[in-house]
Amino acid sequence: MSAPLAVSLGEVKAYLRIDGVEEDALLAGLVRSAAALCEAFTGQVLIAEERSETVAADGEWHRLAATPVRSFEGAFVGEDAAAFDSLTDASGDGWVRVSGRTPARIVVEAGLAGDWNGVPEPLRQGIVRLTAHLYGHRDAAGDAGPPAAVAALWRPWRRMRLA
C-alpha cells in the first residue's frame, strides 16, 4: 500500500481541467514527486512520520536532520535501548546527546502536520502547481528548480542551515 497523496487527484485534475481517469496513475506519481520536492526545498517533513538517524555517542549535542520534531521515540544500540538526553528548540529542531561509546540510532516522529489536511495551504498549492508543471513539461530538459510561482509559495517555509 502506498502512502496517501499530498493533495487529492481531484484537486490536481480540477487545476489541469482533466475529466477522465486515464491519467490517474501518472498524476499520482507526479503528486508524490512534487511532495518529495517540496520536502527537499523546504527542508521539512510535511506529514508526521517516524524517522531515524545515527548519531555519535560522544557526549556532545547533535542536531537531527529530520525537522520539525514532534516527539522522541527512543535511542537504540542494535535492539537495546540507549541512554540519551533530548530537546526540541523553538524552531522544531531536535537535539540529542547520547551516553556511551557506541553510536546510537535515534528514532523520532517528525512532521509539520498530523495529516495532509493539516499541511499549510501555500505548501499544498505549490504541490498542485508543481504537479501541473511536471505534467505539462514531462520531457523538458534543463529545469533547474521549481517554477517561480511554486518557489514563491514555498519560500516562507524554507529552512536553511549552515553546514
N, C-alpha and C. Protein backbone atom coordinates (compact mmCIF):
# COMPACT_ATOMS: atom_id res chain seq x y z
N MET A 1 0.84 -1.18 0.00
CA MET A 1 0.00 0.00 0.00
C MET A 1 0.89 1.24 0.00
N SER A 2 0.60 2.17 -0.88
CA SER A 2 1.41 3.38 -0.95
C SER A 2 0.86 4.43 0.00
N ALA A 3 1.73 5.39 0.33
CA ALA A 3 1.35 6.47 1.25
C ALA A 3 0.26 7.33 0.61
N PRO A 4 -0.57 7.95 1.44
CA PRO A 4 -1.60 8.83 0.89
C PRO A 4 -0.95 10.00 0.15
N LEU A 5 -1.66 10.51 -0.84
CA LEU A 5 -1.14 11.61 -1.64
C LEU A 5 -1.21 12.92 -0.88
N ALA A 6 -0.27 13.80 -1.19
CA ALA A 6 -0.19 15.11 -0.53
C ALA A 6 -1.43 15.94 -0.81
N VAL A 7 -1.92 15.87 -2.00
CA VAL A 7 -3.16 16.55 -2.39
C VAL A 7 -3.97 15.53 -3.17
N SER A 8 -5.27 15.71 -3.21
CA SER A 8 -6.11 14.73 -3.89
C SER A 8 -5.95 14.83 -5.41
N LEU A 9 -6.19 13.70 -6.06
CA LEU A 9 -6.17 13.71 -7.52
C LEU A 9 -7.25 14.65 -8.04
N GLY A 10 -8.35 14.76 -7.31
CA GLY A 10 -9.42 15.67 -7.72
C GLY A 10 -8.94 17.11 -7.79
N GLU A 11 -8.14 17.53 -6.80
CA GLU A 11 -7.59 18.90 -6.81
C GLU A 11 -6.70 19.12 -8.03
N VAL A 12 -5.83 18.15 -8.30
CA VAL A 12 -4.90 18.27 -9.41
C VAL A 12 -5.65 18.24 -10.74
N LYS A 13 -6.61 17.32 -10.87
CA LYS A 13 -7.36 17.21 -12.11
C LYS A 13 -8.20 18.46 -12.35
N ALA A 14 -8.75 19.05 -11.31
CA ALA A 14 -9.51 20.29 -11.47
C ALA A 14 -8.58 21.41 -11.94
N TYR A 15 -7.40 21.50 -11.36
CA TYR A 15 -6.44 22.53 -11.76
C TYR A 15 -6.03 22.36 -13.22
N LEU A 16 -5.85 21.10 -13.63
CA LEU A 16 -5.43 20.81 -15.01
C LEU A 16 -6.61 20.71 -15.98
N ARG A 17 -7.83 20.75 -15.45
CA ARG A 17 -9.05 20.60 -16.26
C ARG A 17 -9.06 19.26 -16.99
N ILE A 18 -8.79 18.19 -16.23
CA ILE A 18 -8.82 16.82 -16.75
C ILE A 18 -10.04 16.13 -16.16
N ASP A 19 -10.83 15.45 -17.02
CA ASP A 19 -12.04 14.78 -16.54
C ASP A 19 -11.88 13.27 -16.40
N GLY A 20 -11.18 12.62 -17.29
CA GLY A 20 -11.10 11.16 -17.31
C GLY A 20 -10.19 10.59 -16.24
N VAL A 21 -10.12 9.25 -16.21
CA VAL A 21 -9.30 8.55 -15.22
C VAL A 21 -8.04 7.95 -15.85
N GLU A 22 -7.87 8.15 -17.16
CA GLU A 22 -6.76 7.53 -17.87
C GLU A 22 -5.40 7.98 -17.34
N GLU A 23 -5.32 9.19 -16.85
CA GLU A 23 -4.04 9.76 -16.40
C GLU A 23 -3.83 9.66 -14.89
N ASP A 24 -4.73 8.98 -14.17
CA ASP A 24 -4.67 8.96 -12.71
C ASP A 24 -3.36 8.41 -12.16
N ALA A 25 -2.87 7.31 -12.72
CA ALA A 25 -1.63 6.72 -12.22
C ALA A 25 -0.45 7.67 -12.44
N LEU A 26 -0.40 8.28 -13.61
CA LEU A 26 0.66 9.24 -13.90
C LEU A 26 0.58 10.43 -12.94
N LEU A 27 -0.62 10.97 -12.76
CA LEU A 27 -0.79 12.12 -11.87
C LEU A 27 -0.42 11.78 -10.43
N ALA A 28 -0.79 10.57 -9.97
CA ALA A 28 -0.45 10.17 -8.60
C ALA A 28 1.07 10.14 -8.41
N GLY A 29 1.78 9.61 -9.40
CA GLY A 29 3.24 9.60 -9.32
C GLY A 29 3.83 11.00 -9.32
N LEU A 30 3.24 11.89 -10.11
CA LEU A 30 3.72 13.27 -10.15
C LEU A 30 3.43 14.00 -8.84
N VAL A 31 2.29 13.70 -8.21
CA VAL A 31 1.98 14.30 -6.90
C VAL A 31 3.01 13.85 -5.87
N ARG A 32 3.36 12.54 -5.88
CA ARG A 32 4.37 12.04 -4.93
C ARG A 32 5.72 12.71 -5.18
N SER A 33 6.08 12.88 -6.44
CA SER A 33 7.34 13.56 -6.76
C SER A 33 7.32 15.01 -6.31
N ALA A 34 6.21 15.70 -6.56
CA ALA A 34 6.09 17.11 -6.16
C ALA A 34 6.16 17.25 -4.64
N ALA A 35 5.55 16.33 -3.90
CA ALA A 35 5.61 16.38 -2.44
C ALA A 35 7.04 16.15 -1.95
N ALA A 36 7.75 15.21 -2.58
CA ALA A 36 9.15 14.97 -2.20
C ALA A 36 10.01 16.20 -2.51
N LEU A 37 9.76 16.85 -3.63
CA LEU A 37 10.50 18.07 -3.96
C LEU A 37 10.17 19.20 -2.99
N CYS A 38 8.93 19.25 -2.53
CA CYS A 38 8.54 20.25 -1.53
C CYS A 38 9.32 20.03 -0.24
N GLU A 39 9.41 18.77 0.21
CA GLU A 39 10.18 18.47 1.42
C GLU A 39 11.64 18.84 1.24
N ALA A 40 12.20 18.53 0.08
CA ALA A 40 13.61 18.85 -0.17
C ALA A 40 13.82 20.36 -0.21
N PHE A 41 12.91 21.09 -0.83
CA PHE A 41 13.04 22.54 -0.95
C PHE A 41 12.90 23.23 0.40
N THR A 42 11.90 22.81 1.18
CA THR A 42 11.65 23.46 2.47
C THR A 42 12.56 22.95 3.57
N GLY A 43 13.12 21.75 3.41
CA GLY A 43 13.94 21.16 4.45
C GLY A 43 13.13 20.66 5.63
N GLN A 44 11.84 20.39 5.38
CA GLN A 44 10.96 19.94 6.46
C GLN A 44 10.15 18.73 6.01
N VAL A 45 9.87 17.85 6.96
CA VAL A 45 8.98 16.73 6.72
C VAL A 45 7.55 17.28 6.74
N LEU A 46 6.76 16.96 5.75
CA LEU A 46 5.41 17.52 5.68
C LEU A 46 4.43 16.82 6.62
N ILE A 47 4.33 15.50 6.53
CA ILE A 47 3.38 14.73 7.31
C ILE A 47 4.12 13.93 8.37
N ALA A 48 3.57 13.91 9.57
CA ALA A 48 4.23 13.22 10.68
C ALA A 48 4.51 11.76 10.32
N GLU A 49 5.75 11.38 10.49
CA GLU A 49 6.17 10.00 10.26
C GLU A 49 7.41 9.72 11.10
N GLU A 50 7.67 8.44 11.28
CA GLU A 50 8.85 8.05 12.06
C GLU A 50 10.08 8.15 11.18
N ARG A 51 11.11 8.77 11.73
CA ARG A 51 12.40 8.89 11.06
C ARG A 51 13.48 8.44 12.04
N SER A 52 14.57 7.92 11.51
CA SER A 52 15.68 7.54 12.39
C SER A 52 16.99 8.04 11.80
N GLU A 53 17.90 8.37 12.71
CA GLU A 53 19.24 8.84 12.35
C GLU A 53 20.23 8.24 13.32
N THR A 54 21.45 8.03 12.87
CA THR A 54 22.51 7.53 13.73
C THR A 54 23.38 8.70 14.16
N VAL A 55 23.63 8.79 15.47
CA VAL A 55 24.47 9.86 16.00
C VAL A 55 25.59 9.26 16.84
N ALA A 56 26.67 9.97 16.92
CA ALA A 56 27.83 9.54 17.71
C ALA A 56 27.50 9.59 19.20
N ALA A 57 28.06 8.65 19.93
CA ALA A 57 27.89 8.63 21.39
C ALA A 57 29.13 9.27 22.00
N ASP A 58 29.23 10.59 21.84
CA ASP A 58 30.42 11.29 22.31
C ASP A 58 30.12 12.29 23.41
N GLY A 59 28.89 12.29 23.91
CA GLY A 59 28.52 13.22 24.97
C GLY A 59 28.23 14.63 24.49
N GLU A 60 28.33 14.87 23.18
CA GLU A 60 28.05 16.19 22.60
C GLU A 60 26.61 16.24 22.10
N TRP A 61 26.06 17.45 22.00
CA TRP A 61 24.73 17.63 21.45
C TRP A 61 24.80 17.58 19.92
N HIS A 62 23.88 16.85 19.31
CA HIS A 62 23.81 16.72 17.86
C HIS A 62 22.41 17.13 17.38
N ARG A 63 22.37 17.98 16.35
CA ARG A 63 21.08 18.38 15.78
C ARG A 63 20.67 17.33 14.75
N LEU A 64 19.42 16.91 14.81
CA LEU A 64 18.91 15.92 13.88
C LEU A 64 18.51 16.58 12.56
N ALA A 65 18.60 15.84 11.47
CA ALA A 65 18.25 16.37 10.16
C ALA A 65 16.74 16.46 9.97
N ALA A 66 15.99 15.48 10.47
CA ALA A 66 14.53 15.49 10.31
C ALA A 66 13.93 16.59 11.17
N THR A 67 13.12 17.42 10.55
CA THR A 67 12.51 18.53 11.27
C THR A 67 11.16 18.87 10.65
N PRO A 68 10.23 19.37 11.38
CA PRO A 68 10.24 19.63 12.81
C PRO A 68 9.96 18.35 13.60
N VAL A 69 10.65 18.21 14.72
CA VAL A 69 10.49 17.03 15.58
C VAL A 69 9.25 17.22 16.44
N ARG A 70 8.37 16.22 16.39
CA ARG A 70 7.15 16.23 17.20
C ARG A 70 7.36 15.49 18.52
N SER A 71 8.13 14.38 18.47
CA SER A 71 8.40 13.62 19.69
C SER A 71 9.62 12.73 19.47
N PHE A 72 10.27 12.40 20.57
CA PHE A 72 11.40 11.46 20.57
C PHE A 72 10.86 10.10 20.97
N GLU A 73 11.12 9.09 20.14
CA GLU A 73 10.61 7.74 20.41
C GLU A 73 11.63 6.88 21.15
N GLY A 74 12.93 7.19 20.98
CA GLY A 74 13.94 6.43 21.70
C GLY A 74 15.29 6.46 21.02
N ALA A 75 16.27 5.86 21.70
CA ALA A 75 17.62 5.71 21.17
C ALA A 75 17.99 4.24 21.33
N PHE A 76 18.65 3.68 20.32
CA PHE A 76 18.93 2.25 20.33
C PHE A 76 20.33 1.98 19.81
N VAL A 77 21.00 1.03 20.48
CA VAL A 77 22.25 0.45 20.00
C VAL A 77 21.89 -0.98 19.69
N GLY A 78 21.84 -1.30 18.40
CA GLY A 78 21.29 -2.59 17.99
C GLY A 78 19.81 -2.59 18.34
N GLU A 79 19.39 -3.59 19.10
CA GLU A 79 18.00 -3.66 19.54
C GLU A 79 17.82 -3.15 20.97
N ASP A 80 18.94 -2.83 21.64
CA ASP A 80 18.89 -2.40 23.03
C ASP A 80 18.70 -0.89 23.14
N ALA A 81 17.93 -0.49 24.14
CA ALA A 81 17.72 0.94 24.40
C ALA A 81 19.02 1.56 24.88
N ALA A 82 19.25 2.79 24.48
CA ALA A 82 20.45 3.53 24.89
C ALA A 82 20.02 4.75 25.69
N ALA A 83 20.89 5.17 26.60
CA ALA A 83 20.62 6.37 27.39
C ALA A 83 20.87 7.61 26.53
N PHE A 84 19.93 8.55 26.59
CA PHE A 84 20.11 9.78 25.81
C PHE A 84 19.33 10.92 26.44
N ASP A 85 19.78 12.13 26.15
CA ASP A 85 19.06 13.35 26.52
C ASP A 85 18.55 13.96 25.22
N SER A 86 17.41 14.62 25.30
CA SER A 86 16.86 15.23 24.08
C SER A 86 16.17 16.54 24.40
N LEU A 87 16.10 17.38 23.39
CA LEU A 87 15.31 18.60 23.49
C LEU A 87 14.90 19.02 22.09
N THR A 88 13.81 19.76 22.04
CA THR A 88 13.34 20.34 20.78
C THR A 88 13.34 21.84 20.97
N ASP A 89 14.04 22.56 20.09
CA ASP A 89 14.11 24.02 20.25
C ASP A 89 12.87 24.68 19.64
N ALA A 90 12.79 25.98 19.76
CA ALA A 90 11.60 26.72 19.34
C ALA A 90 11.32 26.58 17.85
N SER A 91 12.34 26.31 17.05
CA SER A 91 12.13 26.18 15.61
C SER A 91 11.77 24.76 15.19
N GLY A 92 11.71 23.84 16.15
CA GLY A 92 11.36 22.46 15.84
C GLY A 92 12.54 21.55 15.60
N ASP A 93 13.75 22.07 15.70
CA ASP A 93 14.93 21.22 15.55
C ASP A 93 15.07 20.32 16.77
N GLY A 94 15.36 19.05 16.51
CA GLY A 94 15.60 18.10 17.59
C GLY A 94 17.08 17.97 17.86
N TRP A 95 17.43 17.95 19.14
CA TRP A 95 18.82 17.82 19.57
C TRP A 95 18.92 16.62 20.50
N VAL A 96 19.99 15.82 20.35
CA VAL A 96 20.20 14.67 21.21
C VAL A 96 21.65 14.60 21.66
N ARG A 97 21.81 14.00 22.84
CA ARG A 97 23.13 13.73 23.40
C ARG A 97 23.08 12.29 23.89
N VAL A 98 23.99 11.46 23.37
CA VAL A 98 23.98 10.04 23.70
C VAL A 98 25.18 9.71 24.57
N SER A 99 24.92 8.95 25.63
CA SER A 99 25.99 8.48 26.51
C SER A 99 26.52 7.15 25.98
N GLY A 100 27.72 6.81 26.38
CA GLY A 100 28.30 5.54 25.99
C GLY A 100 29.38 5.71 24.95
N ARG A 101 29.71 4.59 24.27
CA ARG A 101 30.79 4.62 23.29
C ARG A 101 30.34 4.22 21.89
N THR A 102 29.17 3.64 21.80
CA THR A 102 28.70 3.13 20.51
C THR A 102 27.67 4.08 19.91
N PRO A 103 27.80 4.43 18.64
CA PRO A 103 26.79 5.29 18.01
C PRO A 103 25.39 4.71 18.19
N ALA A 104 24.42 5.58 18.34
CA ALA A 104 23.05 5.14 18.59
C ALA A 104 22.13 5.59 17.47
N ARG A 105 21.11 4.77 17.23
CA ARG A 105 20.06 5.11 16.27
C ARG A 105 18.96 5.84 17.04
N ILE A 106 18.72 7.09 16.68
CA ILE A 106 17.70 7.91 17.33
C ILE A 106 16.43 7.84 16.49
N VAL A 107 15.31 7.55 17.13
CA VAL A 107 14.03 7.45 16.43
C VAL A 107 13.14 8.59 16.92
N VAL A 108 12.63 9.37 15.96
CA VAL A 108 11.76 10.49 16.27
C VAL A 108 10.52 10.44 15.38
N GLU A 109 9.49 11.15 15.82
CA GLU A 109 8.37 11.44 14.93
C GLU A 109 8.56 12.88 14.50
N ALA A 110 8.62 13.09 13.18
CA ALA A 110 8.84 14.44 12.65
C ALA A 110 7.77 14.75 11.61
N GLY A 111 7.38 16.02 11.54
CA GLY A 111 6.43 16.43 10.51
C GLY A 111 5.72 17.72 10.88
N LEU A 112 5.39 18.51 9.87
CA LEU A 112 4.66 19.76 10.09
C LEU A 112 3.24 19.52 10.56
N ALA A 113 2.60 18.46 10.03
CA ALA A 113 1.18 18.23 10.31
C ALA A 113 0.94 16.75 10.57
N GLY A 114 -0.16 16.46 11.25
CA GLY A 114 -0.53 15.08 11.53
C GLY A 114 -1.06 14.35 10.31
N ASP A 115 -1.68 15.08 9.38
CA ASP A 115 -2.18 14.50 8.13
C ASP A 115 -2.16 15.58 7.05
N TRP A 116 -2.53 15.19 5.84
CA TRP A 116 -2.43 16.13 4.71
C TRP A 116 -3.34 17.33 4.87
N ASN A 117 -4.44 17.17 5.58
CA ASN A 117 -5.34 18.31 5.78
C ASN A 117 -4.70 19.39 6.64
N GLY A 118 -3.70 19.04 7.43
CA GLY A 118 -3.02 20.00 8.28
C GLY A 118 -1.84 20.70 7.64
N VAL A 119 -1.47 20.28 6.43
CA VAL A 119 -0.35 20.91 5.74
C VAL A 119 -0.76 22.33 5.35
N PRO A 120 0.08 23.32 5.63
CA PRO A 120 -0.26 24.70 5.28
C PRO A 120 -0.63 24.85 3.80
N GLU A 121 -1.65 25.65 3.56
CA GLU A 121 -2.20 25.80 2.21
C GLU A 121 -1.17 26.25 1.16
N PRO A 122 -0.25 27.16 1.47
CA PRO A 122 0.74 27.51 0.44
C PRO A 122 1.58 26.30 -0.02
N LEU A 123 1.88 25.39 0.90
CA LEU A 123 2.65 24.20 0.52
C LEU A 123 1.79 23.30 -0.36
N ARG A 124 0.53 23.12 0.01
CA ARG A 124 -0.40 22.29 -0.78
C ARG A 124 -0.57 22.88 -2.19
N GLN A 125 -0.77 24.19 -2.27
CA GLN A 125 -0.95 24.83 -3.58
C GLN A 125 0.31 24.71 -4.42
N GLY A 126 1.46 24.81 -3.79
CA GLY A 126 2.71 24.62 -4.51
C GLY A 126 2.83 23.21 -5.07
N ILE A 127 2.37 22.22 -4.30
CA ILE A 127 2.41 20.83 -4.78
C ILE A 127 1.49 20.67 -5.98
N VAL A 128 0.29 21.26 -5.92
CA VAL A 128 -0.64 21.19 -7.06
C VAL A 128 0.00 21.84 -8.29
N ARG A 129 0.55 23.04 -8.11
CA ARG A 129 1.14 23.76 -9.25
C ARG A 129 2.36 23.04 -9.81
N LEU A 130 3.19 22.48 -8.92
CA LEU A 130 4.36 21.75 -9.42
C LEU A 130 3.94 20.47 -10.14
N THR A 131 2.91 19.80 -9.63
CA THR A 131 2.39 18.62 -10.32
C THR A 131 1.94 18.99 -11.73
N ALA A 132 1.22 20.11 -11.85
CA ALA A 132 0.77 20.57 -13.16
C ALA A 132 1.96 20.89 -14.06
N HIS A 133 2.98 21.51 -13.49
CA HIS A 133 4.18 21.84 -14.26
C HIS A 133 4.87 20.56 -14.74
N LEU A 134 5.01 19.58 -13.86
CA LEU A 134 5.65 18.32 -14.24
C LEU A 134 4.83 17.60 -15.31
N TYR A 135 3.52 17.67 -15.20
CA TYR A 135 2.63 17.05 -16.19
C TYR A 135 2.80 17.71 -17.56
N GLY A 136 2.86 19.01 -17.58
CA GLY A 136 2.96 19.75 -18.83
C GLY A 136 4.34 19.76 -19.45
N HIS A 137 5.36 19.48 -18.65
CA HIS A 137 6.74 19.54 -19.13
C HIS A 137 7.45 18.21 -18.89
N ARG A 138 6.80 17.12 -19.22
CA ARG A 138 7.32 15.79 -18.92
C ARG A 138 8.68 15.51 -19.54
N ASP A 139 8.90 15.99 -20.72
CA ASP A 139 10.15 15.67 -21.42
C ASP A 139 11.08 16.86 -21.55
N ALA A 140 10.79 17.93 -20.84
CA ALA A 140 11.63 19.13 -20.94
C ALA A 140 12.94 18.92 -20.19
N ALA A 141 14.01 19.36 -20.79
CA ALA A 141 15.33 19.25 -20.16
C ALA A 141 15.75 20.61 -19.64
N GLY A 142 16.59 20.59 -18.62
CA GLY A 142 17.20 21.82 -18.17
C GLY A 142 16.47 22.57 -17.07
N ASP A 143 15.39 22.02 -16.54
CA ASP A 143 14.73 22.70 -15.43
C ASP A 143 15.63 22.64 -14.20
N ALA A 144 15.97 23.80 -13.65
CA ALA A 144 16.91 23.88 -12.54
C ALA A 144 16.22 23.86 -11.18
N GLY A 145 14.94 24.00 -11.13
CA GLY A 145 14.23 24.03 -9.86
C GLY A 145 12.75 24.23 -10.10
N PRO A 146 12.02 24.43 -9.02
CA PRO A 146 10.57 24.62 -9.19
C PRO A 146 10.28 25.94 -9.91
N PRO A 147 9.14 26.02 -10.59
CA PRO A 147 8.76 27.28 -11.22
C PRO A 147 8.70 28.41 -10.18
N ALA A 148 8.85 29.63 -10.64
CA ALA A 148 8.90 30.79 -9.74
C ALA A 148 7.67 30.89 -8.84
N ALA A 149 6.48 30.60 -9.38
CA ALA A 149 5.26 30.69 -8.56
C ALA A 149 5.29 29.66 -7.43
N VAL A 150 5.80 28.47 -7.72
CA VAL A 150 5.90 27.43 -6.69
C VAL A 150 6.93 27.82 -5.64
N ALA A 151 8.08 28.28 -6.08
CA ALA A 151 9.12 28.72 -5.14
C ALA A 151 8.61 29.85 -4.26
N ALA A 152 7.83 30.76 -4.82
CA ALA A 152 7.28 31.86 -4.03
C ALA A 152 6.32 31.35 -2.95
N LEU A 153 5.55 30.32 -3.26
CA LEU A 153 4.64 29.74 -2.27
C LEU A 153 5.41 29.02 -1.16
N TRP A 154 6.48 28.34 -1.53
CA TRP A 154 7.23 27.53 -0.57
C TRP A 154 8.29 28.31 0.19
N ARG A 155 8.81 29.38 -0.37
CA ARG A 155 9.96 30.07 0.22
C ARG A 155 9.76 30.47 1.68
N PRO A 156 8.59 30.97 2.10
CA PRO A 156 8.45 31.33 3.53
C PRO A 156 8.61 30.15 4.48
N TRP A 157 8.46 28.94 3.97
CA TRP A 157 8.57 27.74 4.79
C TRP A 157 9.95 27.11 4.72
N ARG A 158 10.82 27.67 3.89
CA ARG A 158 12.14 27.07 3.67
C ARG A 158 13.03 27.23 4.89
N ARG A 159 13.68 26.15 5.27
CA ARG A 159 14.62 26.14 6.40
C ARG A 159 16.02 25.99 5.85
N MET A 160 16.83 26.97 6.07
CA MET A 160 18.22 26.92 5.61
C MET A 160 19.11 26.69 6.83
N ARG A 161 20.13 25.86 6.65
CA ARG A 161 21.08 25.58 7.72
C ARG A 161 22.49 25.85 7.24
N LEU A 162 23.29 26.34 8.15
CA LEU A 162 24.71 26.49 7.85
C LEU A 162 25.40 25.17 8.15
N ALA A 163 26.28 24.77 7.28
CA ALA A 163 26.96 23.49 7.45
C ALA A 163 27.99 23.58 8.55
